[in-house]
Amino acid sequence: MVTANILAFAGSSRRLSWNRKVLDVAVAGAREAGAEVTLVNLGDYPMPIYDADWHAEHGAPPAMLELRKLMMAANGLLIASPEYNTSITPLLKNTIDWLSQDANGESGRAPFEGKVGGLMGASNGAFGTIRALPHVSFILSNLGVLMLPIVAVPGVAKAFDESGAMTNERTRQVLSKLGGQVANTIVKLG
């Protein structure tokens, strides 16, 4: 039987990121469904803004190769994406741009192709990143990730208490279910 090995990260490296908090709920759901989850902070993998000339002159940054290795070992992704000006964050886009480059004789699609992806986003606004998530989903789908339905969390500040615990039970269930769906889909496709 196939084990779900999921790489999880948020498209924000902000210390108190709401997206990191909603990601934690989805990660818990994936683990409850039997998945092994590696949770990383993209801030720990610094890469210059992607530039083909810089890449040709300097090669792939070590951080890209480290993160790519983690992605290659995973068969699923859980990603929480903030929304900047109705679109994907620069950090997340740059990470995807670097990871989608050929490396070590392998295609740029290799870290993405055949993986199952769960995508969520949170904001204090009424739209909860729903304008950005289709952009992210399209990018990942184009790279070969089988994307599950997205989850947007509006008014996120009201979904957690002062201690950081999620108090909105419906939202907790939807996020947990997404994590579980990623894990279960991986096993079913096994």
N, C-alpha and C. Protein backbone atom coordinates (compact mmCIF):
# COMPACT_ATOMS: atom_id res chain seq x y z
N MET A 1 0.83 -1.18 0.00
CA MET A 1 0.00 0.00 0.00
C MET A 1 0.88 1.25 0.00
N VAL A 2 0.51 2.22 -0.78
CA VAL A 2 1.25 3.47 -0.88
C VAL A 2 1.01 4.32 0.36
N THR A 3 2.07 4.95 0.86
CA THR A 3 1.96 5.89 1.96
C THR A 3 1.94 7.30 1.38
N ALA A 4 1.07 8.14 1.92
CA ALA A 4 1.03 9.54 1.51
C ALA A 4 2.17 10.28 2.20
N ASN A 5 3.09 10.81 1.40
CA ASN A 5 4.19 11.63 1.88
C ASN A 5 3.98 13.03 1.33
N ILE A 6 3.60 13.94 2.20
CA ILE A 6 3.18 15.27 1.78
C ILE A 6 4.18 16.33 2.21
N LEU A 7 4.51 17.23 1.29
CA LEU A 7 5.31 18.40 1.60
C LEU A 7 4.34 19.56 1.76
N ALA A 8 4.44 20.28 2.87
CA ALA A 8 3.51 21.37 3.16
C ALA A 8 4.27 22.67 3.41
N PHE A 9 3.75 23.77 2.83
CA PHE A 9 4.35 25.08 3.06
C PHE A 9 3.35 26.18 2.74
N ALA A 10 3.62 27.35 3.31
CA ALA A 10 2.80 28.53 3.05
C ALA A 10 3.57 29.47 2.13
N GLY A 11 2.85 30.22 1.34
CA GLY A 11 3.46 31.19 0.43
C GLY A 11 3.80 32.49 1.13
N SER A 12 3.95 32.44 2.43
CA SER A 12 4.32 33.58 3.25
C SER A 12 5.33 33.12 4.28
N SER A 13 6.33 33.92 4.52
CA SER A 13 7.30 33.57 5.57
C SER A 13 7.12 34.45 6.80
N ARG A 14 6.03 35.21 6.83
CA ARG A 14 5.74 36.09 7.97
C ARG A 14 5.61 35.25 9.23
N ARG A 15 6.22 35.71 10.31
CA ARG A 15 6.25 34.95 11.57
C ARG A 15 4.85 34.58 12.06
N LEU A 16 3.90 35.48 11.99
CA LEU A 16 2.55 35.22 12.48
C LEU A 16 1.57 35.05 11.33
N SER A 17 1.99 34.41 10.30
CA SER A 17 1.19 34.23 9.08
C SER A 17 -0.11 33.47 9.36
N TRP A 18 -1.23 34.08 8.95
CA TRP A 18 -2.52 33.40 9.04
C TRP A 18 -2.51 32.16 8.15
N ASN A 19 -1.83 32.25 7.02
CA ASN A 19 -1.79 31.11 6.10
C ASN A 19 -1.04 29.94 6.69
N ARG A 20 -0.03 30.20 7.46
CA ARG A 20 0.68 29.13 8.16
C ARG A 20 -0.25 28.46 9.17
N LYS A 21 -1.10 29.28 9.83
CA LYS A 21 -2.03 28.73 10.82
C LYS A 21 -3.09 27.84 10.16
N VAL A 22 -3.64 28.27 9.04
CA VAL A 22 -4.64 27.40 8.38
C VAL A 22 -3.96 26.17 7.79
N LEU A 23 -2.72 26.32 7.34
CA LEU A 23 -1.97 25.17 6.84
C LEU A 23 -1.81 24.13 7.95
N ASP A 24 -1.53 24.58 9.16
CA ASP A 24 -1.36 23.65 10.28
C ASP A 24 -2.61 22.80 10.50
N VAL A 25 -3.79 23.39 10.29
CA VAL A 25 -5.04 22.65 10.46
C VAL A 25 -5.15 21.57 9.38
N ALA A 26 -4.83 21.92 8.13
CA ALA A 26 -4.88 20.95 7.04
C ALA A 26 -3.83 19.85 7.24
N VAL A 27 -2.66 20.23 7.73
CA VAL A 27 -1.61 19.24 8.01
C VAL A 27 -2.10 18.24 9.06
N ALA A 28 -2.78 18.74 10.09
CA ALA A 28 -3.31 17.84 11.12
C ALA A 28 -4.31 16.86 10.50
N GLY A 29 -5.14 17.34 9.58
CA GLY A 29 -6.09 16.46 8.90
C GLY A 29 -5.39 15.40 8.06
N ALA A 30 -4.31 15.78 7.40
CA ALA A 30 -3.55 14.82 6.60
C ALA A 30 -2.91 13.76 7.50
N ARG A 31 -2.37 14.20 8.62
CA ARG A 31 -1.75 13.24 9.55
C ARG A 31 -2.79 12.31 10.16
N GLU A 32 -3.98 12.84 10.47
CA GLU A 32 -5.06 12.00 11.00
C GLU A 32 -5.46 10.93 9.98
N ALA A 33 -5.30 11.24 8.70
CA ALA A 33 -5.63 10.28 7.63
C ALA A 33 -4.47 9.32 7.35
N GLY A 34 -3.39 9.42 8.11
CA GLY A 34 -2.27 8.49 7.97
C GLY A 34 -1.10 8.98 7.16
N ALA A 35 -1.10 10.25 6.75
CA ALA A 35 -0.01 10.78 5.94
C ALA A 35 1.20 11.13 6.79
N GLU A 36 2.36 11.03 6.15
CA GLU A 36 3.59 11.58 6.73
C GLU A 36 3.75 12.95 6.09
N VAL A 37 3.88 13.99 6.92
CA VAL A 37 3.93 15.35 6.41
C VAL A 37 5.21 16.03 6.83
N THR A 38 5.89 16.63 5.86
CA THR A 38 7.06 17.46 6.13
C THR A 38 6.61 18.89 5.95
N LEU A 39 6.69 19.67 7.01
CA LEU A 39 6.25 21.07 7.01
C LEU A 39 7.49 21.95 6.95
N VAL A 40 7.57 22.81 5.94
CA VAL A 40 8.73 23.69 5.79
C VAL A 40 8.28 25.15 5.72
N ASN A 41 9.22 26.03 6.01
CA ASN A 41 9.02 27.47 5.90
C ASN A 41 9.84 27.94 4.70
N LEU A 42 9.19 28.51 3.70
CA LEU A 42 9.92 28.95 2.51
C LEU A 42 10.99 29.99 2.84
N GLY A 43 10.85 30.69 3.95
CA GLY A 43 11.87 31.64 4.38
C GLY A 43 13.20 30.97 4.68
N ASP A 44 13.17 29.67 4.95
CA ASP A 44 14.40 28.91 5.21
C ASP A 44 15.10 28.47 3.92
N TYR A 45 14.50 28.80 2.77
CA TYR A 45 15.04 28.42 1.47
C TYR A 45 15.18 29.66 0.59
N PRO A 46 16.09 30.57 0.95
CA PRO A 46 16.21 31.83 0.20
C PRO A 46 16.78 31.60 -1.20
N MET A 47 16.11 32.22 -2.17
CA MET A 47 16.55 32.14 -3.57
C MET A 47 16.41 33.53 -4.18
N PRO A 48 17.35 33.88 -5.07
CA PRO A 48 17.19 35.17 -5.74
C PRO A 48 15.96 35.14 -6.66
N ILE A 49 15.48 36.31 -7.04
CA ILE A 49 14.39 36.37 -8.01
C ILE A 49 14.87 35.63 -9.26
N TYR A 50 14.00 34.75 -9.79
CA TYR A 50 14.44 33.95 -10.92
C TYR A 50 14.81 34.83 -12.11
N ASP A 51 15.99 34.55 -12.67
CA ASP A 51 16.51 35.26 -13.83
C ASP A 51 17.32 34.23 -14.62
N ALA A 52 16.94 33.97 -15.85
CA ALA A 52 17.59 32.93 -16.65
C ALA A 52 19.08 33.21 -16.84
N ASP A 53 19.47 34.48 -16.99
CA ASP A 53 20.89 34.79 -17.14
C ASP A 53 21.65 34.48 -15.85
N TRP A 54 21.08 34.86 -14.71
CA TRP A 54 21.72 34.57 -13.43
C TRP A 54 21.84 33.05 -13.26
N HIS A 55 20.79 32.33 -13.61
CA HIS A 55 20.77 30.87 -13.50
C HIS A 55 21.87 30.26 -14.36
N ALA A 56 22.02 30.75 -15.59
CA ALA A 56 23.05 30.23 -16.50
C ALA A 56 24.45 30.50 -15.96
N GLU A 57 24.63 31.66 -15.34
CA GLU A 57 25.96 32.03 -14.83
C GLU A 57 26.31 31.37 -13.50
N HIS A 58 25.32 31.19 -12.62
CA HIS A 58 25.59 30.73 -11.26
C HIS A 58 25.06 29.33 -10.96
N GLY A 59 24.20 28.81 -11.81
CA GLY A 59 23.59 27.52 -11.53
C GLY A 59 22.44 27.66 -10.55
N ALA A 60 21.93 26.55 -10.11
CA ALA A 60 20.80 26.55 -9.18
C ALA A 60 21.28 26.87 -7.78
N PRO A 61 20.55 27.71 -7.07
CA PRO A 61 20.93 28.01 -5.68
C PRO A 61 20.82 26.74 -4.82
N PRO A 62 21.70 26.58 -3.84
CA PRO A 62 21.64 25.41 -2.97
C PRO A 62 20.27 25.23 -2.31
N ALA A 63 19.62 26.35 -1.92
CA ALA A 63 18.30 26.25 -1.29
C ALA A 63 17.28 25.63 -2.24
N MET A 64 17.38 25.94 -3.51
CA MET A 64 16.46 25.36 -4.50
C MET A 64 16.68 23.86 -4.59
N LEU A 65 17.93 23.43 -4.61
CA LEU A 65 18.22 22.01 -4.70
C LEU A 65 17.75 21.26 -3.46
N GLU A 66 17.88 21.87 -2.28
CA GLU A 66 17.40 21.25 -1.04
C GLU A 66 15.88 21.09 -1.06
N LEU A 67 15.18 22.17 -1.43
CA LEU A 67 13.72 22.12 -1.46
C LEU A 67 13.24 21.18 -2.56
N ARG A 68 13.92 21.17 -3.67
CA ARG A 68 13.56 20.27 -4.79
C ARG A 68 13.68 18.81 -4.34
N LYS A 69 14.71 18.50 -3.56
CA LYS A 69 14.89 17.14 -3.06
C LYS A 69 13.71 16.73 -2.18
N LEU A 70 13.25 17.65 -1.33
CA LEU A 70 12.08 17.37 -0.50
C LEU A 70 10.84 17.16 -1.35
N MET A 71 10.67 17.97 -2.38
CA MET A 71 9.51 17.82 -3.27
C MET A 71 9.56 16.51 -4.04
N MET A 72 10.74 16.12 -4.48
CA MET A 72 10.87 14.87 -5.23
C MET A 72 10.51 13.67 -4.36
N ALA A 73 10.76 13.76 -3.06
CA ALA A 73 10.47 12.65 -2.14
C ALA A 73 8.98 12.58 -1.78
N ALA A 74 8.25 13.67 -2.03
CA ALA A 74 6.82 13.73 -1.69
C ALA A 74 5.96 13.24 -2.84
N ASN A 75 4.77 12.74 -2.50
CA ASN A 75 3.80 12.41 -3.53
C ASN A 75 2.55 13.28 -3.41
N GLY A 76 2.63 14.28 -2.52
CA GLY A 76 1.54 15.22 -2.36
C GLY A 76 2.03 16.55 -1.84
N LEU A 77 1.22 17.59 -2.05
CA LEU A 77 1.54 18.94 -1.61
C LEU A 77 0.34 19.54 -0.89
N LEU A 78 0.61 20.24 0.20
CA LEU A 78 -0.38 21.10 0.85
C LEU A 78 0.23 22.50 0.87
N ILE A 79 -0.46 23.44 0.24
CA ILE A 79 0.07 24.79 0.10
C ILE A 79 -0.99 25.79 0.54
N ALA A 80 -0.57 26.73 1.39
CA ALA A 80 -1.44 27.83 1.80
C ALA A 80 -0.90 29.09 1.14
N SER A 81 -1.73 29.74 0.36
CA SER A 81 -1.29 30.92 -0.39
C SER A 81 -2.01 32.18 0.05
N PRO A 82 -1.25 33.17 0.52
CA PRO A 82 -1.84 34.48 0.73
C PRO A 82 -2.21 35.09 -0.63
N GLU A 83 -2.84 36.24 -0.58
CA GLU A 83 -3.22 36.94 -1.81
C GLU A 83 -2.60 38.34 -1.78
N TYR A 84 -1.80 38.64 -2.78
CA TYR A 84 -1.23 39.98 -2.93
C TYR A 84 -1.82 40.59 -4.19
N ASN A 85 -2.54 41.67 -4.05
CA ASN A 85 -3.14 42.36 -5.20
C ASN A 85 -3.90 41.39 -6.11
N THR A 86 -4.71 40.58 -5.52
CA THR A 86 -5.57 39.58 -6.16
C THR A 86 -4.80 38.45 -6.86
N SER A 87 -3.55 38.23 -6.51
CA SER A 87 -2.78 37.18 -7.18
C SER A 87 -1.81 36.50 -6.21
N ILE A 88 -0.98 35.67 -6.76
CA ILE A 88 0.01 34.86 -6.05
C ILE A 88 1.09 35.75 -5.43
N THR A 89 1.63 35.33 -4.30
CA THR A 89 2.69 36.10 -3.65
C THR A 89 4.01 35.95 -4.42
N PRO A 90 4.86 36.96 -4.36
CA PRO A 90 6.17 36.85 -5.02
C PRO A 90 7.00 35.68 -4.49
N LEU A 91 6.94 35.44 -3.18
CA LEU A 91 7.70 34.34 -2.60
C LEU A 91 7.28 33.00 -3.19
N LEU A 92 5.98 32.77 -3.25
CA LEU A 92 5.49 31.49 -3.77
C LEU A 92 5.77 31.37 -5.27
N LYS A 93 5.54 32.43 -6.02
CA LYS A 93 5.78 32.38 -7.47
C LYS A 93 7.25 32.13 -7.76
N ASN A 94 8.13 32.83 -7.05
CA ASN A 94 9.57 32.65 -7.27
C ASN A 94 10.01 31.23 -6.91
N THR A 95 9.45 30.69 -5.84
CA THR A 95 9.78 29.32 -5.45
C THR A 95 9.37 28.34 -6.54
N ILE A 96 8.16 28.50 -7.05
CA ILE A 96 7.69 27.63 -8.14
C ILE A 96 8.54 27.83 -9.39
N ASP A 97 8.88 29.08 -9.71
CA ASP A 97 9.70 29.35 -10.89
C ASP A 97 11.06 28.65 -10.80
N TRP A 98 11.69 28.69 -9.62
CA TRP A 98 12.98 28.01 -9.46
C TRP A 98 12.81 26.49 -9.51
N LEU A 99 11.83 25.97 -8.77
CA LEU A 99 11.65 24.51 -8.71
C LEU A 99 11.27 23.91 -10.05
N SER A 100 10.72 24.72 -10.95
CA SER A 100 10.30 24.20 -12.25
C SER A 100 11.41 24.28 -13.30
N GLN A 101 12.63 24.55 -12.87
CA GLN A 101 13.78 24.54 -13.78
C GLN A 101 14.42 23.15 -13.78
N ASP A 102 14.95 22.75 -14.92
CA ASP A 102 15.67 21.48 -14.99
C ASP A 102 16.83 21.51 -14.00
N ALA A 103 17.08 20.38 -13.35
CA ALA A 103 18.19 20.29 -12.40
C ALA A 103 18.67 18.85 -12.32
N ASN A 104 19.97 18.70 -12.23
CA ASN A 104 20.58 17.38 -12.08
C ASN A 104 20.09 16.38 -13.13
N GLY A 105 19.91 16.86 -14.34
CA GLY A 105 19.48 16.00 -15.44
C GLY A 105 18.00 15.65 -15.42
N GLU A 106 17.24 16.25 -14.51
CA GLU A 106 15.81 15.96 -14.42
C GLU A 106 15.01 17.17 -14.89
N SER A 107 13.88 16.88 -15.47
CA SER A 107 12.97 17.91 -15.98
C SER A 107 12.49 18.82 -14.86
N GLY A 108 12.18 20.05 -15.21
CA GLY A 108 11.60 20.99 -14.27
C GLY A 108 10.21 20.56 -13.80
N ARG A 109 9.58 19.70 -14.56
CA ARG A 109 8.26 19.19 -14.16
C ARG A 109 8.37 18.08 -13.11
N ALA A 110 9.54 17.48 -12.98
CA ALA A 110 9.71 16.32 -12.10
C ALA A 110 9.27 16.56 -10.65
N PRO A 111 9.53 17.73 -10.05
CA PRO A 111 9.08 17.91 -8.67
C PRO A 111 7.56 18.02 -8.51
N PHE A 112 6.86 18.24 -9.61
CA PHE A 112 5.42 18.49 -9.57
C PHE A 112 4.58 17.35 -10.15
N GLU A 113 5.05 16.77 -11.22
CA GLU A 113 4.26 15.82 -12.00
C GLU A 113 3.80 14.62 -11.19
N GLY A 114 2.50 14.33 -11.28
CA GLY A 114 1.93 13.17 -10.62
C GLY A 114 1.61 13.35 -9.16
N LYS A 115 1.87 14.54 -8.61
CA LYS A 115 1.56 14.78 -7.20
C LYS A 115 0.10 15.19 -7.06
N VAL A 116 -0.45 14.98 -5.88
CA VAL A 116 -1.80 15.45 -5.54
C VAL A 116 -1.63 16.72 -4.72
N GLY A 117 -2.36 17.77 -5.09
CA GLY A 117 -2.20 19.05 -4.42
C GLY A 117 -3.46 19.53 -3.74
N GLY A 118 -3.28 20.00 -2.52
CA GLY A 118 -4.34 20.66 -1.77
C GLY A 118 -3.94 22.11 -1.55
N LEU A 119 -4.82 23.02 -1.92
CA LEU A 119 -4.50 24.45 -1.89
C LEU A 119 -5.54 25.19 -1.07
N MET A 120 -5.03 26.05 -0.19
CA MET A 120 -5.90 26.87 0.65
C MET A 120 -5.30 28.25 0.78
N GLY A 121 -6.09 29.18 1.28
CA GLY A 121 -5.59 30.52 1.53
C GLY A 121 -6.48 31.22 2.52
N ALA A 122 -5.91 32.19 3.24
CA ALA A 122 -6.67 32.90 4.26
C ALA A 122 -6.33 34.38 4.24
N SER A 123 -7.34 35.19 4.50
CA SER A 123 -7.12 36.63 4.65
C SER A 123 -8.20 37.19 5.57
N ASN A 124 -7.99 38.41 6.02
CA ASN A 124 -8.99 39.07 6.84
C ASN A 124 -10.13 39.61 6.01
N GLY A 125 -9.92 39.73 4.70
CA GLY A 125 -10.95 40.26 3.82
C GLY A 125 -12.10 39.29 3.61
N ALA A 126 -13.13 39.79 2.94
CA ALA A 126 -14.33 39.00 2.69
C ALA A 126 -14.13 37.91 1.65
N PHE A 127 -13.08 38.02 0.83
CA PHE A 127 -12.87 37.05 -0.23
C PHE A 127 -11.95 35.90 0.16
N GLY A 128 -11.16 36.07 1.21
CA GLY A 128 -10.34 34.98 1.72
C GLY A 128 -9.39 34.37 0.71
N THR A 129 -8.80 35.14 -0.13
CA THR A 129 -7.82 34.75 -1.17
C THR A 129 -8.44 34.02 -2.36
N ILE A 130 -9.75 34.04 -2.48
CA ILE A 130 -10.41 33.29 -3.56
C ILE A 130 -10.02 33.83 -4.94
N ARG A 131 -9.56 35.07 -5.03
CA ARG A 131 -9.13 35.60 -6.33
C ARG A 131 -7.74 35.08 -6.71
N ALA A 132 -6.90 34.81 -5.73
CA ALA A 132 -5.53 34.35 -6.01
C ALA A 132 -5.44 32.84 -6.19
N LEU A 133 -6.24 32.09 -5.46
CA LEU A 133 -6.10 30.63 -5.47
C LEU A 133 -6.26 30.01 -6.85
N PRO A 134 -7.19 30.47 -7.70
CA PRO A 134 -7.24 29.89 -9.05
C PRO A 134 -5.95 30.10 -9.84
N HIS A 135 -5.25 31.23 -9.62
CA HIS A 135 -3.97 31.47 -10.30
C HIS A 135 -2.96 30.40 -9.88
N VAL A 136 -2.86 30.19 -8.57
CA VAL A 136 -1.91 29.20 -8.04
C VAL A 136 -2.28 27.80 -8.53
N SER A 137 -3.56 27.48 -8.48
CA SER A 137 -4.02 26.17 -8.92
C SER A 137 -3.69 25.93 -10.39
N PHE A 138 -3.90 26.94 -11.22
CA PHE A 138 -3.61 26.82 -12.64
C PHE A 138 -2.12 26.58 -12.88
N ILE A 139 -1.27 27.31 -12.18
CA ILE A 139 0.17 27.14 -12.34
C ILE A 139 0.59 25.71 -11.97
N LEU A 140 0.13 25.25 -10.82
CA LEU A 140 0.50 23.91 -10.36
C LEU A 140 -0.08 22.82 -11.26
N SER A 141 -1.31 23.00 -11.68
CA SER A 141 -1.93 22.04 -12.60
C SER A 141 -1.17 21.96 -13.91
N ASN A 142 -0.74 23.11 -14.41
CA ASN A 142 0.03 23.15 -15.65
C ASN A 142 1.36 22.41 -15.52
N LEU A 143 1.89 22.33 -14.30
CA LEU A 143 3.15 21.62 -14.06
C LEU A 143 2.93 20.13 -13.77
N GLY A 144 1.67 19.69 -13.78
CA GLY A 144 1.39 18.27 -13.63
C GLY A 144 0.83 17.84 -12.30
N VAL A 145 0.49 18.79 -11.41
CA VAL A 145 -0.10 18.45 -10.12
C VAL A 145 -1.60 18.23 -10.30
N LEU A 146 -2.11 17.15 -9.74
CA LEU A 146 -3.54 16.90 -9.72
C LEU A 146 -4.12 17.71 -8.57
N MET A 147 -4.80 18.82 -8.91
CA MET A 147 -5.28 19.74 -7.90
C MET A 147 -6.69 19.39 -7.44
N LEU A 148 -6.86 19.36 -6.12
CA LEU A 148 -8.18 19.16 -5.52
C LEU A 148 -8.85 20.53 -5.38
N PRO A 149 -10.15 20.55 -5.07
CA PRO A 149 -10.84 21.84 -4.91
C PRO A 149 -10.16 22.72 -3.85
N ILE A 150 -10.14 24.01 -4.10
CA ILE A 150 -9.46 24.96 -3.23
C ILE A 150 -10.34 25.35 -2.04
N VAL A 151 -9.69 25.81 -0.97
CA VAL A 151 -10.39 26.27 0.22
C VAL A 151 -9.92 27.68 0.55
N ALA A 152 -10.85 28.64 0.56
CA ALA A 152 -10.54 30.02 0.92
C ALA A 152 -11.15 30.32 2.28
N VAL A 153 -10.38 30.97 3.14
CA VAL A 153 -10.84 31.29 4.50
C VAL A 153 -10.90 32.81 4.64
N PRO A 154 -12.11 33.40 4.54
CA PRO A 154 -12.25 34.84 4.76
C PRO A 154 -12.33 35.16 6.25
N GLY A 155 -12.09 36.42 6.60
CA GLY A 155 -12.21 36.85 7.99
C GLY A 155 -11.41 35.99 8.95
N VAL A 156 -10.20 35.63 8.56
CA VAL A 156 -9.43 34.64 9.30
C VAL A 156 -9.10 35.06 10.73
N ALA A 157 -8.97 36.34 11.00
CA ALA A 157 -8.63 36.77 12.36
C ALA A 157 -9.70 36.34 13.36
N LYS A 158 -10.94 36.21 12.90
CA LYS A 158 -12.03 35.79 13.78
C LYS A 158 -12.13 34.27 13.90
N ALA A 159 -11.33 33.54 13.12
CA ALA A 159 -11.38 32.08 13.14
C ALA A 159 -10.48 31.47 14.21
N PHE A 160 -9.62 32.29 14.84
CA PHE A 160 -8.68 31.82 15.85
C PHE A 160 -8.85 32.63 17.13
N ASP A 161 -8.56 32.01 18.26
CA ASP A 161 -8.58 32.77 19.51
C ASP A 161 -7.19 33.33 19.81
N GLU A 162 -7.05 34.00 20.94
CA GLU A 162 -5.78 34.65 21.30
C GLU A 162 -4.62 33.67 21.44
N SER A 163 -4.93 32.42 21.78
CA SER A 163 -3.88 31.42 21.96
C SER A 163 -3.45 30.79 20.63
N GLY A 164 -4.18 31.12 19.54
CA GLY A 164 -3.85 30.56 18.24
C GLY A 164 -4.67 29.35 17.87
N ALA A 165 -5.60 28.95 18.72
CA ALA A 165 -6.45 27.80 18.43
C ALA A 165 -7.60 28.21 17.51
N MET A 166 -7.93 27.35 16.56
CA MET A 166 -9.03 27.65 15.66
C MET A 166 -10.35 27.46 16.39
N THR A 167 -11.18 28.50 16.37
CA THR A 167 -12.46 28.46 17.07
C THR A 167 -13.63 28.27 16.11
N ASN A 168 -13.41 28.47 14.83
CA ASN A 168 -14.47 28.29 13.84
C ASN A 168 -14.48 26.82 13.44
N GLU A 169 -15.42 26.07 14.00
CA GLU A 169 -15.44 24.62 13.79
C GLU A 169 -15.68 24.23 12.34
N ARG A 170 -16.55 24.96 11.66
CA ARG A 170 -16.82 24.64 10.26
C ARG A 170 -15.56 24.81 9.42
N THR A 171 -14.85 25.89 9.63
CA THR A 171 -13.61 26.13 8.89
C THR A 171 -12.57 25.07 9.22
N ARG A 172 -12.48 24.71 10.51
CA ARG A 172 -11.52 23.67 10.91
C ARG A 172 -11.83 22.37 10.20
N GLN A 173 -13.09 22.01 10.11
CA GLN A 173 -13.49 20.78 9.45
C GLN A 173 -13.16 20.80 7.95
N VAL A 174 -13.40 21.92 7.30
CA VAL A 174 -13.13 22.02 5.86
C VAL A 174 -11.63 21.91 5.59
N LEU A 175 -10.82 22.59 6.40
CA LEU A 175 -9.37 22.52 6.21
C LEU A 175 -8.83 21.13 6.54
N SER A 176 -9.31 20.55 7.62
CA SER A 176 -8.89 19.21 7.99
C SER A 176 -9.27 18.20 6.91
N LYS A 177 -10.47 18.37 6.38
CA LYS A 177 -10.94 17.48 5.31
C LYS A 177 -10.04 17.59 4.07
N LEU A 178 -9.61 18.80 3.74
CA LEU A 178 -8.72 18.98 2.59
C LEU A 178 -7.43 18.19 2.80
N GLY A 179 -6.83 18.31 3.99
CA GLY A 179 -5.62 17.54 4.27
C GLY A 179 -5.86 16.05 4.14
N GLY A 180 -6.99 15.59 4.68
CA GLY A 180 -7.33 14.18 4.57
C GLY A 180 -7.59 13.74 3.14
N GLN A 181 -8.22 14.61 2.35
CA GLN A 181 -8.50 14.27 0.95
C GLN A 181 -7.20 14.11 0.16
N VAL A 182 -6.21 14.98 0.43
CA VAL A 182 -4.93 14.83 -0.26
C VAL A 182 -4.33 13.47 0.09
N ALA A 183 -4.29 13.14 1.38
CA ALA A 183 -3.72 11.86 1.82
C ALA A 183 -4.48 10.68 1.21
N ASN A 184 -5.79 10.72 1.28
CA ASN A 184 -6.60 9.59 0.78
C ASN A 184 -6.52 9.46 -0.74
N THR A 185 -6.45 10.56 -1.44
CA THR A 185 -6.34 10.50 -2.91
C THR A 185 -5.02 9.88 -3.33
N ILE A 186 -3.95 10.23 -2.63
CA ILE A 186 -2.64 9.63 -2.93
C ILE A 186 -2.71 8.12 -2.78
N VAL A 187 -3.30 7.67 -1.67
CA VAL A 187 -3.38 6.23 -1.43
C VAL A 187 -4.26 5.55 -2.48
N LYS A 188 -5.39 6.15 -2.83
CA LYS A 188 -6.29 5.56 -3.82
C LYS A 188 -5.66 5.47 -5.20
N LEU A 189 -4.85 6.48 -5.54
CA LEU A 189 -4.21 6.48 -6.86
C LEU A 189 -2.98 5.56 -6.88
N GLY A 190 -2.47 5.27 -5.67
CA GLY A 190 -1.28 4.49 -5.43
C GLY A 190 -0.84 3.60 -6.47
